[in-house]
Every structure is written in C-alpha cells, then in structure tokens.
Amino acid sequence: MKKNIFIFLLTLCATVNMVAQEFIPSRSQKAVAKSTDALVIALPAAALTGVLVQKDWKGLIQGIETAGATAATTLILKYSIKEMRPDYSNTHSFPSGHSSISFATAAFVQRRYGWAVGAPAYALSCYVAWGRVFAKKHHVWDVCAGAVLGGASAYIFTTPFAKKHNLTIAPTADATHIGAYASFDF
C-alpha cells in the first residue's frame, strides 16, 4: 500500500514538473504581460505627476501611505501564502501585485479627485487584472484579492480633495461648443 502511494506521488510530481516545463506563452500572452508591466508603472507615475502639478501635498502623503500599505500587505501575503503561479514560474501568485498597485492607484485618484479621473484609471486597472490572468501569471482569485487590497488601502488613507477645496465640475454647451467647467479654492 505504501509503495503504491509513493509511486502515485512520484508520478504526480513528474507530471506537474513536465507541465511546468512545457508551458510556453504565446506571442499575445507575452505582449499582454509586457503591457501590464508598463501600466503598473505608468498608472502610479501619472497619479504622482498629477499630485505634484497640483501641489497637493496632503494628497502626496495620502498616496505614499496608500502605496506603502498596499505594497507591504501584498508582499507579506505573497511570501506567506506561496501559491504557485499558473505558468509554474514561482510561488508568488497570491495576491497579484500588479492588480493591488493598479487598483490602489485608481481608487486613490478616484477618491481624491473624483470619477472624471478615477473611471479611466479603473478601466486600465481592469485591463491589468485581466491581462495578468490571460498571461497565466495569476489566477482569477489572485487579481480579485489584489484589487480589493489596493482599493481598501486607498479608501482607508485617502480623503476627497474636492471637499477641502470646494471642487466643482460641470458640463457646458452652446450652439457650437461643448466642454467642462472646473473651479476650486486654493
């Protein structure tokens, strides 16, 4: 009986090892993985640029707190749980760092500056999450956990900019033009 269990386990390990070595990502999976790698840098960089241009120093501190909490929690979970990635490259699948960072950024800009900038950031974050699953870097639950973790961090540390500065955004239109009106107090 013990011999059969040993042979079964040995066969299972050999099969998993063969599957792990045979995974070869397609060109589209490689391209999507590279685009998500670029977006996970571009989203926080764009948010930081916006904060600095507006000289929103309180927002800068809140962004740093959000980023720090998101990164620390993500890394602690990754190195504690040790879930195998779908492509068998390593055991750092849960939670998705790309998703936690991109959703933390999206939630930060949405909470701080409103839906006008938050909606596009969330759309890009959704692409990042989808792309990580498509590229076989994460399971669906990994990206969902990353999204919740990043969003929660932003909602804990970020207060709306609009309330402090009396931000008003309104659409405008006449016979020949359409646009938006924005004003806030310094």
Protein backbone atom coordinates (compact mmCIF):
# COMPACT_ATOMS: atom_id res chain seq x y z
CA MET A 1 0.00 0.00 0.00
CA LYS A 2 2.75 2.47 0.93
CA LYS A 3 4.60 1.54 -2.25
CA ASN A 4 1.51 2.42 -4.36
CA ILE A 5 1.14 5.80 -2.66
CA PHE A 6 4.84 6.50 -3.19
CA ILE A 7 4.59 5.60 -6.90
CA PHE A 8 1.44 7.74 -7.25
CA LEU A 9 3.12 10.75 -5.63
CA LEU A 10 6.26 10.30 -7.71
CA THR A 11 4.18 10.12 -10.91
CA LEU A 12 2.18 13.17 -9.88
CA CYS A 13 5.34 15.20 -9.20
CA ALA A 14 6.86 14.14 -12.52
CA THR A 15 3.65 15.13 -14.36
CA VAL A 16 3.48 18.52 -12.68
CA ASN A 17 7.15 19.07 -13.46
CA MET A 18 6.61 18.19 -17.14
CA VAL A 19 3.61 20.53 -17.37
CA ALA A 20 5.60 23.31 -15.72
CA GLN A 21 8.48 22.92 -18.12
CA GLU A 22 6.23 22.68 -21.18
CA PHE A 23 4.37 25.97 -20.63
CA ILE A 24 5.38 28.30 -23.43
CA PRO A 25 3.45 31.57 -23.53
CA SER A 26 2.03 32.68 -26.87
CA ARG A 27 3.08 35.94 -28.52
CA SER A 28 -0.16 37.56 -27.42
CA GLN A 29 0.35 36.42 -23.83
CA LYS A 30 3.86 37.87 -23.86
CA ALA A 31 2.60 41.16 -25.33
CA VAL A 32 -0.20 41.46 -22.76
CA ALA A 33 2.22 40.64 -19.92
CA LYS A 34 4.58 43.40 -21.11
CA SER A 35 1.73 45.90 -21.41
CA THR A 36 0.59 45.15 -17.85
CA ASP A 37 4.19 45.58 -16.67
CA ALA A 38 4.24 49.01 -18.32
CA LEU A 39 0.84 50.04 -16.93
CA VAL A 40 1.72 49.08 -13.37
CA ILE A 41 4.47 51.71 -13.57
CA ALA A 42 2.60 54.27 -15.71
CA LEU A 43 -0.52 54.48 -13.52
CA PRO A 44 1.26 55.47 -10.28
CA ALA A 45 3.64 57.72 -12.23
CA ALA A 46 0.70 59.57 -13.79
CA ALA A 47 -1.00 59.90 -10.40
CA LEU A 48 2.20 61.22 -8.83
CA THR A 49 2.64 63.71 -11.67
CA GLY A 50 -0.90 64.98 -11.17
CA VAL A 51 -0.41 65.35 -7.43
CA LEU A 52 2.84 67.27 -7.92
CA VAL A 53 1.42 69.53 -10.64
CA GLN A 54 -1.47 70.45 -8.34
CA LYS A 55 0.92 70.85 -5.40
CA ASP A 56 -1.45 68.69 -3.38
CA TRP A 57 0.96 67.90 -0.54
CA LYS A 58 -1.71 66.29 1.63
CA GLY A 59 -2.62 64.08 -1.33
CA LEU A 60 1.05 63.19 -1.75
CA ILE A 61 1.22 61.97 1.85
CA GLN A 62 -2.03 60.03 1.42
CA GLY A 63 -0.70 58.48 -1.80
CA ILE A 64 2.50 57.42 -0.07
CA GLU A 65 0.51 55.89 2.81
CA THR A 66 -1.72 54.06 0.33
CA ALA A 67 1.26 52.79 -1.68
CA GLY A 68 3.14 51.70 1.44
CA ALA A 69 0.22 49.82 2.95
CA THR A 70 -0.59 48.18 -0.39
CA ALA A 71 2.99 47.10 -1.07
CA ALA A 72 3.64 45.85 2.46
CA THR A 73 0.42 43.83 2.65
CA THR A 74 0.90 42.39 -0.84
CA LEU A 75 4.47 41.29 -0.15
CA ILE A 76 3.64 39.82 3.25
CA LEU A 77 0.83 37.77 1.71
CA LYS A 78 2.91 36.70 -1.33
CA TYR A 79 5.76 35.40 0.79
CA SER A 80 3.49 33.86 3.45
CA ILE A 81 0.97 32.03 1.27
CA LYS A 82 3.33 30.83 -1.51
CA GLU A 83 0.73 29.93 -4.13
CA MET A 84 2.09 28.55 -7.41
CA ARG A 85 1.54 30.74 -10.48
CA PRO A 86 -0.46 29.25 -13.35
CA ASP A 87 2.69 29.27 -15.51
CA TYR A 88 4.63 27.45 -12.73
CA SER A 89 7.34 30.13 -12.73
CA ASN A 90 7.33 30.66 -8.95
CA THR A 91 5.20 30.56 -5.79
CA HIS A 92 4.32 34.27 -5.59
CA SER A 93 0.90 34.23 -7.21
CA PHE A 94 -1.36 35.37 -4.35
CA PRO A 95 -2.24 38.22 -4.33
CA SER A 96 -1.48 39.94 -7.63
CA GLY A 97 0.92 42.80 -7.01
CA HIS A 98 0.10 44.32 -10.40
CA SER A 99 -3.61 44.36 -9.50
CA SER A 100 -3.09 45.68 -5.99
CA ILE A 101 -0.88 48.53 -7.22
CA SER A 102 -3.09 49.50 -10.16
CA PHE A 103 -6.32 49.37 -8.13
CA ALA A 104 -4.72 51.28 -5.25
CA THR A 105 -3.78 53.98 -7.75
CA ALA A 106 -7.23 54.02 -9.36
CA ALA A 107 -9.01 54.16 -6.01
CA PHE A 108 -6.63 56.89 -4.80
CA VAL A 109 -7.23 59.18 -7.79
CA GLN A 110 -10.98 58.47 -7.79
CA ARG A 111 -11.35 59.13 -4.08
CA ARG A 112 -9.07 62.17 -4.07
CA TYR A 113 -10.04 63.84 -7.36
CA GLY A 114 -13.33 62.27 -8.45
CA TRP A 115 -14.72 59.95 -11.07
CA ALA A 116 -13.57 62.05 -14.03
CA VAL A 117 -10.03 60.77 -13.49
CA GLY A 118 -10.97 57.69 -11.49
CA ALA A 119 -13.05 55.97 -14.19
CA PRO A 120 -10.23 55.78 -16.78
CA ALA A 121 -7.83 54.63 -14.05
CA TYR A 122 -10.25 51.87 -13.05
CA ALA A 123 -10.63 50.84 -16.70
CA LEU A 124 -6.84 50.50 -17.03
CA SER A 125 -6.71 48.61 -13.73
CA CYS A 126 -9.32 46.15 -15.00
CA TYR A 127 -7.18 45.61 -18.09
CA VAL A 128 -4.15 44.95 -15.87
CA ALA A 129 -6.12 42.39 -13.84
CA TRP A 130 -7.47 40.67 -16.95
CA GLY A 131 -4.03 40.72 -18.55
CA ARG A 132 -2.38 39.02 -15.59
CA VAL A 133 -4.87 36.16 -15.83
CA PHE A 134 -4.61 36.00 -19.64
CA ALA A 135 -0.80 35.89 -19.48
CA LYS A 136 -1.03 32.99 -16.99
CA LYS A 137 0.72 34.97 -14.27
CA HIS A 138 -2.23 34.82 -11.85
CA HIS A 139 -5.45 33.04 -11.07
CA VAL A 140 -8.71 35.00 -11.03
CA TRP A 141 -8.81 34.99 -7.22
CA ASP A 142 -5.28 36.45 -7.11
CA VAL A 143 -6.28 39.53 -9.12
CA CYS A 144 -9.56 39.91 -7.23
CA ALA A 145 -7.72 39.84 -3.91
CA GLY A 146 -5.18 42.35 -5.25
CA ALA A 147 -7.97 44.67 -6.41
CA VAL A 148 -9.71 44.54 -3.02
CA LEU A 149 -6.44 45.02 -1.15
CA GLY A 150 -5.38 48.04 -3.22
CA GLY A 151 -8.82 49.64 -3.21
CA ALA A 152 -9.22 49.16 0.52
CA SER A 153 -5.83 50.74 1.21
CA ALA A 154 -6.78 53.80 -0.82
CA TYR A 155 -10.14 54.15 0.88
CA ILE A 156 -8.53 53.88 4.32
CA PHE A 157 -5.83 56.51 3.72
CA THR A 158 -7.35 58.92 1.17
CA THR A 159 -9.74 61.81 1.79
CA PRO A 160 -11.50 63.64 -1.03
CA PHE A 161 -9.69 66.66 -2.43
CA ALA A 162 -12.98 68.18 -3.59
CA LYS A 163 -14.38 68.72 -0.08
CA LYS A 164 -11.33 70.60 1.14
CA HIS A 165 -11.02 72.74 -1.97
CA ASN A 166 -14.69 73.19 -2.91
CA LEU A 167 -14.14 71.49 -6.27
CA THR A 168 -16.91 71.99 -8.81
CA ILE A 169 -17.02 70.33 -12.22
CA ALA A 170 -19.94 70.97 -14.57
CA PRO A 171 -20.61 70.36 -18.27
CA THR A 172 -21.12 73.39 -20.55
CA ALA A 173 -22.50 73.64 -24.06
CA ASP A 174 -23.74 76.18 -26.56
CA ALA A 175 -24.65 76.03 -30.26
CA THR A 176 -21.08 75.42 -31.42
CA HIS A 177 -19.07 74.17 -28.43
CA ILE A 178 -19.18 71.59 -25.69
CA GLY A 179 -16.89 71.39 -22.73
CA ALA A 180 -16.49 71.24 -18.99
CA TYR A 181 -16.15 73.92 -16.36
CA ALA A 182 -13.99 73.31 -13.31
CA SER A 183 -13.14 75.51 -10.37
CA PHE A 184 -11.74 75.10 -6.88
CA ASP A 185 -10.50 77.19 -3.98
CA PHE A 186 -6.80 77.40 -3.10
